[in-house]
PDB file of N, CA and C in Angstrom:
ATOM      1  N   MET A   1     -26.361 -11.316  20.574  1.00  0.00           N
ATOM      2  CA  MET A   1     -25.630 -12.456  20.078  1.00  0.00           C
ATOM      3  C   MET A   1     -25.703 -12.512  18.547  1.00  0.00           C
ATOM      4  N   GLY A   2     -26.881 -12.219  18.030  1.00  0.00           N
ATOM      5  CA  GLY A   2     -27.040 -12.236  16.582  1.00  0.00           C
ATOM      6  C   GLY A   2     -26.195 -11.181  15.893  1.00  0.00           C
ATOM      7  N   VAL A   3     -26.084 -10.012  16.524  1.00  0.00           N
ATOM      8  CA  VAL A   3     -25.274  -8.936  15.937  1.00  0.00           C
ATOM      9  C   VAL A   3     -23.804  -9.342  15.918  1.00  0.00           C
ATOM     10  N   ALA A   4     -23.350 -10.024  16.965  1.00  0.00           N
ATOM     11  CA  ALA A   4     -21.960 -10.483  17.005  1.00  0.00           C
ATOM     12  C   ALA A   4     -21.686 -11.470  15.875  1.00  0.00           C
ATOM     13  N   PHE A   5     -22.607 -12.405  15.657  1.00  0.00           N
ATOM     14  CA  PHE A   5     -22.429 -13.359  14.567  1.00  0.00           C
ATOM     15  C   PHE A   5     -22.522 -12.677  13.207  1.00  0.00           C
ATOM     16  N   LEU A   6     -23.391 -11.693  13.089  1.00  0.00           N
ATOM     17  CA  LEU A   6     -23.531 -10.974  11.825  1.00  0.00           C
ATOM     18  C   LEU A   6     -22.257 -10.206  11.487  1.00  0.00           C
ATOM     19  N   THR A   7     -21.662  -9.530  12.467  1.00  0.00           N
ATOM     20  CA  THR A   7     -20.422  -8.801  12.202  1.00  0.00           C
ATOM     21  C   THR A   7     -19.286  -9.762  11.881  1.00  0.00           C
ATOM     22  N   ALA A   8     -19.245 -10.915  12.554  1.00  0.00           N
ATOM     23  CA  ALA A   8     -18.220 -11.913  12.232  1.00  0.00           C
ATOM     24  C   ALA A   8     -18.402 -12.420  10.802  1.00  0.00           C
ATOM     25  N   PHE A   9     -19.641 -12.660  10.411  1.00  0.00           N
ATOM     26  CA  PHE A   9     -19.913 -13.122   9.046  1.00  0.00           C
ATOM     27  C   PHE A   9     -19.481 -12.081   8.019  1.00  0.00           C
ATOM     28  N   VAL A  10     -19.883 -10.837   8.223  1.00  0.00           N
ATOM     29  CA  VAL A  10     -19.567  -9.774   7.256  1.00  0.00           C
ATOM     30  C   VAL A  10     -18.058  -9.560   7.166  1.00  0.00           C
ATOM     31  N   SER A  11     -17.376  -9.523   8.312  1.00  0.00           N
ATOM     32  CA  SER A  11     -15.931  -9.284   8.284  1.00  0.00           C
ATOM     33  C   SER A  11     -15.190 -10.447   7.630  1.00  0.00           C
ATOM     34  N   ASN A  12     -15.588 -11.679   7.905  1.00  0.00           N
ATOM     35  CA  ASN A  12     -14.939 -12.826   7.258  1.00  0.00           C
ATOM     36  C   ASN A  12     -15.234 -12.867   5.763  1.00  0.00           C
ATOM     37  N   TYR A  13     -16.437 -12.517   5.381  1.00  0.00           N
ATOM     38  CA  TYR A  13     -16.788 -12.470   3.962  1.00  0.00           C
ATOM     39  C   TYR A  13     -15.948 -11.420   3.238  1.00  0.00           C
ATOM     40  N   LEU A  14     -15.840 -10.229   3.834  1.00  0.00           N
ATOM     41  CA  LEU A  14     -15.065  -9.159   3.198  1.00  0.00           C
ATOM     42  C   LEU A  14     -13.577  -9.482   3.146  1.00  0.00           C
ATOM     43  N   SER A  15     -13.046 -10.119   4.190  1.00  0.00           N
ATOM     44  CA  SER A  15     -11.626 -10.471   4.153  1.00  0.00           C
ATOM     45  C   SER A  15     -11.361 -11.543   3.094  1.00  0.00           C
ATOM     46  N   GLY A  16     -12.291 -12.461   2.903  1.00  0.00           N
ATOM     47  CA  GLY A  16     -12.149 -13.436   1.830  1.00  0.00           C
ATOM     48  C   GLY A  16     -12.234 -12.791   0.462  1.00  0.00           C
ATOM     49  N   TRP A  17     -13.124 -11.824   0.325  1.00  0.00           N
ATOM     50  CA  TRP A  17     -13.258 -11.098  -0.937  1.00  0.00           C
ATOM     51  C   TRP A  17     -11.975 -10.327  -1.244  1.00  0.00           C
ATOM     52  N   LEU A  18     -11.423  -9.656  -0.225  1.00  0.00           N
ATOM     53  CA  LEU A  18     -10.172  -8.926  -0.426  1.00  0.00           C
ATOM     54  C   LEU A  18      -9.019  -9.877  -0.717  1.00  0.00           C
ATOM     55  N   GLY A  19      -9.024 -11.045  -0.088  1.00  0.00           N
ATOM     56  CA  GLY A  19      -7.977 -12.027  -0.342  1.00  0.00           C
ATOM     57  C   GLY A  19      -7.965 -12.508  -1.782  1.00  0.00           C
ATOM     58  N   GLY A  20      -9.099 -12.424  -2.447  1.00  0.00           N
ATOM     59  CA  GLY A  20      -9.170 -12.801  -3.851  1.00  0.00           C
ATOM     60  C   GLY A  20      -8.353 -11.902  -4.763  1.00  0.00           C
ATOM     61  N   PHE A  21      -8.008 -10.731  -4.288  1.00  0.00           N
ATOM     62  CA  PHE A  21      -7.203  -9.805  -5.082  1.00  0.00           C
ATOM     63  C   PHE A  21      -5.709 -10.096  -4.995  1.00  0.00           C
ATOM     64  N   TYR A  22      -5.316 -11.032  -4.135  1.00  0.00           N
ATOM     65  CA  TYR A  22      -3.891 -11.280  -3.897  1.00  0.00           C
ATOM     66  C   TYR A  22      -3.146 -11.659  -5.176  1.00  0.00           C
ATOM     67  N   GLU A  23      -3.730 -12.516  -5.991  1.00  0.00           N
ATOM     68  CA  GLU A  23      -3.056 -12.945  -7.213  1.00  0.00           C
ATOM     69  C   GLU A  23      -3.234 -11.955  -8.359  1.00  0.00           C
ATOM     70  N   LYS A  24      -4.190 -11.061  -8.250  1.00  0.00           N
ATOM     71  CA  LYS A  24      -4.469 -10.115  -9.331  1.00  0.00           C
ATOM     72  C   LYS A  24      -3.688  -8.811  -9.194  1.00  0.00           C
ATOM     73  N   MET A  25      -3.171  -8.538  -7.995  1.00  0.00           N
ATOM     74  CA  MET A  25      -2.489  -7.276  -7.736  1.00  0.00           C
ATOM     75  C   MET A  25      -1.028  -7.545  -7.395  1.00  0.00           C
ATOM     76  N   THR A  26      -0.220  -6.500  -7.519  1.00  0.00           N
ATOM     77  CA  THR A  26       1.156  -6.627  -7.044  1.00  0.00           C
ATOM     78  C   THR A  26       1.127  -6.640  -5.522  1.00  0.00           C
ATOM     79  N   PRO A  27       2.145  -7.241  -4.888  1.00  0.00           N
ATOM     80  CA  PRO A  27       2.152  -7.255  -3.420  1.00  0.00           C
ATOM     81  C   PRO A  27       2.088  -5.853  -2.812  1.00  0.00           C
ATOM     82  N   PHE A  28       2.781  -4.906  -3.416  1.00  0.00           N
ATOM     83  CA  PHE A  28       2.765  -3.539  -2.892  1.00  0.00           C
ATOM     84  C   PHE A  28       1.357  -2.964  -2.913  1.00  0.00           C
ATOM     85  N   ASN A  29       0.650  -3.128  -4.022  1.00  0.00           N
ATOM     86  CA  ASN A  29      -0.710  -2.606  -4.126  1.00  0.00           C
ATOM     87  C   ASN A  29      -1.671  -3.345  -3.207  1.00  0.00           C
ATOM     88  N   PHE A  30      -1.492  -4.668  -3.092  1.00  0.00           N
ATOM     89  CA  PHE A  30      -2.377  -5.459  -2.240  1.00  0.00           C
ATOM     90  C   PHE A  30      -2.265  -5.021  -0.782  1.00  0.00           C
ATOM     91  N   TRP A  31      -1.039  -4.950  -0.281  1.00  0.00           N
ATOM     92  CA  TRP A  31      -0.868  -4.556   1.119  1.00  0.00           C
ATOM     93  C   TRP A  31      -1.106  -3.064   1.303  1.00  0.00           C
ATOM     94  N   GLY A  32      -0.888  -2.279   0.261  1.00  0.00           N
ATOM     95  CA  GLY A  32      -1.236  -0.858   0.320  1.00  0.00           C
ATOM     96  C   GLY A  32      -2.735  -0.655   0.456  1.00  0.00           C
ATOM     97  N   LEU A  33      -3.514  -1.514  -0.206  1.00  0.00           N
ATOM     98  CA  LEU A  33      -4.971  -1.472  -0.073  1.00  0.00           C
ATOM     99  C   LEU A  33      -5.380  -1.746   1.370  1.00  0.00           C
ATOM    100  N   HIS A  34      -4.752  -2.741   1.992  1.00  0.00           N
ATOM    101  CA  HIS A  34      -5.056  -3.041   3.392  1.00  0.00           C
ATOM    102  C   HIS A  34      -4.661  -1.876   4.306  1.00  0.00           C
ATOM    103  N   ALA A  35      -3.519  -1.268   4.028  1.00  0.00           N
ATOM    104  CA  ALA A  35      -3.095  -0.118   4.825  1.00  0.00           C
ATOM    105  C   ALA A  35      -4.067   1.044   4.655  1.00  0.00           C
ATOM    106  N   ALA A  36      -4.551   1.268   3.438  1.00  0.00           N
ATOM    107  CA  ALA A  36      -5.497   2.358   3.191  1.00  0.00           C
ATOM    108  C   ALA A  36      -6.824   2.109   3.899  1.00  0.00           C
ATOM    109  N   ILE A  37      -7.283   0.867   3.915  1.00  0.00           N
ATOM    110  CA  ILE A  37      -8.525   0.542   4.621  1.00  0.00           C
ATOM    111  C   ILE A  37      -8.360   0.782   6.119  1.00  0.00           C
ATOM    112  N   SER A  38      -7.220   0.364   6.670  1.00  0.00           N
ATOM    113  CA  SER A  38      -6.962   0.590   8.095  1.00  0.00           C
ATOM    114  C   SER A  38      -6.866   2.075   8.410  1.00  0.00           C
ATOM    115  N   LEU A  39      -6.203   2.815   7.548  1.00  0.00           N
ATOM    116  CA  LEU A  39      -6.071   4.260   7.744  1.00  0.00           C
ATOM    117  C   LEU A  39      -7.427   4.945   7.672  1.00  0.00           C
ATOM    118  N   ALA A  40      -8.268   4.526   6.748  1.00  0.00           N
ATOM    119  CA  ALA A  40      -9.612   5.106   6.645  1.00  0.00           C
ATOM    120  C   ALA A  40     -10.423   4.820   7.906  1.00  0.00           C
ATOM    121  N   GLY A  41     -10.288   3.628   8.457  1.00  0.00           N
ATOM    122  CA  GLY A  41     -10.972   3.307   9.708  1.00  0.00           C
ATOM    123  C   GLY A  41     -10.475   4.161  10.863  1.00  0.00           C
ATOM    124  N   ALA A  42      -9.160   4.373  10.927  1.00  0.00           N
ATOM    125  CA  ALA A  42      -8.594   5.205  11.990  1.00  0.00           C
ATOM    126  C   ALA A  42      -9.066   6.648  11.869  1.00  0.00           C
ATOM    127  N   VAL A  43      -9.110   7.167  10.647  1.00  0.00           N
ATOM    128  CA  VAL A  43      -9.591   8.537  10.430  1.00  0.00           C
ATOM    129  C   VAL A  43     -11.064   8.638  10.817  1.00  0.00           C
ATOM    130  N   GLY A  44     -11.849   7.629  10.464  1.00  0.00           N
ATOM    131  CA  GLY A  44     -13.265   7.621  10.849  1.00  0.00           C
ATOM    132  C   GLY A  44     -13.451   7.641  12.353  1.00  0.00           C
ATOM    133  N   ILE A  45     -12.644   6.872  13.063  1.00  0.00           N
ATOM    134  CA  ILE A  45     -12.726   6.866  14.526  1.00  0.00           C
ATOM    135  C   ILE A  45     -12.354   8.236  15.076  1.00  0.00           C
ATOM    136  N   LEU A  46     -11.283   8.830  14.546  1.00  0.00           N
ATOM    137  CA  LEU A  46     -10.865  10.146  15.029  1.00  0.00           C
ATOM    138  C   LEU A  46     -11.918  11.215  14.754  1.00  0.00           C
ATOM    139  N   LEU A  47     -12.606  11.112  13.624  1.00  0.00           N
ATOM    140  CA  LEU A  47     -13.638  12.100  13.298  1.00  0.00           C
ATOM    141  C   LEU A  47     -14.867  11.977  14.195  1.00  0.00           C
ATOM    142  N   PHE A  48     -15.189  10.763  14.596  1.00  0.00           N
ATOM    143  CA  PHE A  48     -16.429  10.537  15.330  1.00  0.00           C
ATOM    144  C   PHE A  48     -16.236  10.261  16.813  1.00  0.00           C
ATOM    145  N   ILE A  49     -15.019  10.408  17.335  1.00  0.00           N
ATOM    146  CA  ILE A  49     -14.792  10.039  18.733  1.00  0.00           C
ATOM    147  C   ILE A  49     -15.502  10.990  19.701  1.00  0.00           C
ATOM    148  N   ARG A  50     -15.499  12.274  19.414  1.00  0.00           N
ATOM    149  CA  ARG A  50     -16.173  13.210  20.331  1.00  0.00           C
ATOM    150  C   ARG A  50     -17.687  13.030  20.329  1.00  0.00           C
ATOM    151  N   PRO A  51     -18.338  12.979  19.162  1.00  0.00           N
ATOM    152  CA  PRO A  51     -19.787  12.734  19.195  1.00  0.00           C
ATOM    153  C   PRO A  51     -20.138  11.392  19.834  1.00  0.00           C
ATOM    154  N   LEU A  52     -19.342  10.374  19.577  1.00  0.00           N
ATOM    155  CA  LEU A  52     -19.622   9.068  20.180  1.00  0.00           C
ATOM    156  C   LEU A  52     -19.438   9.097  21.690  1.00  0.00           C
ATOM    157  N   ASN A  53     -18.430   9.808  22.160  1.00  0.00           N
ATOM    158  CA  ASN A  53     -18.237   9.919  23.610  1.00  0.00           C
ATOM    159  C   ASN A  53     -19.419  10.621  24.263  1.00  0.00           C
ATOM    160  N   ARG A  54     -19.947  11.657  23.610  1.00  0.00           N
ATOM    161  CA  ARG A  54     -21.109  12.349  24.157  1.00  0.00           C
ATOM    162  C   ARG A  54     -22.329  11.438  24.193  1.00  0.00           C
ATOM    163  N   ILE A  55     -22.513  10.666  23.151  1.00  0.00           N
ATOM    164  CA  ILE A  55     -23.670   9.772  23.083  1.00  0.00           C
ATOM    165  C   ILE A  55     -23.541   8.628  24.082  1.00  0.00           C
ATOM    166  N   LEU A  56     -22.353   8.068  24.206  1.00  0.00           N
ATOM    167  CA  LEU A  56     -22.159   6.879  25.032  1.00  0.00           C
ATOM    168  C   LEU A  56     -21.884   7.181  26.498  1.00  0.00           C
ATOM    169  N   GLN A  57     -21.625   8.444  26.826  1.00  0.00           N
ATOM    170  CA  GLN A  57     -21.350   8.805  28.214  1.00  0.00           C
ATOM    171  C   GLN A  57     -22.628   8.654  29.039  1.00  0.00           C
ATOM    172  N   PRO A  58     -22.527   7.966  30.176  1.00  0.00           N
ATOM    173  CA  PRO A  58     -23.736   7.819  30.998  1.00  0.00           C
ATOM    174  C   PRO A  58     -24.178   9.162  31.574  1.00  0.00           C
ATOM    175  N   THR A  59     -25.477   9.363  31.622  1.00  0.00           N
ATOM    176  CA  THR A  59     -26.021  10.599  32.181  1.00  0.00           C
ATOM    177  C   THR A  59     -26.382  10.362  33.640  1.00  0.00           C
ATOM    178  N   PRO A  60     -26.029  11.303  34.505  1.00  0.00           N
ATOM    179  CA  PRO A  60     -26.389  11.137  35.921  1.00  0.00           C
ATOM    180  C   PRO A  60     -27.902  11.253  36.103  1.00  0.00           C
ATOM    181  N   SER A  61     -28.455  10.367  36.912  1.00  0.00           N
ATOM    182  CA  SER A  61     -29.906  10.417  37.114  1.00  0.00           C
ATOM    183  C   SER A  61     -30.276  10.880  38.494  1.00  0.00           C
TER     184      SER A  61
END
């Protein structure tokens, strides 16, 4: 439960921090930053999906 609240806190804090750039950046750059963050997350998932599947796969006992 604590980990769930911690991740919610961190994600809300970071989204608020990123939202602070809205007035400082052009709209194209602001939304491009969000697209780049999403793309980096997708690439990270694709890079680690096989090792994670091996780790998380239940072992027969």
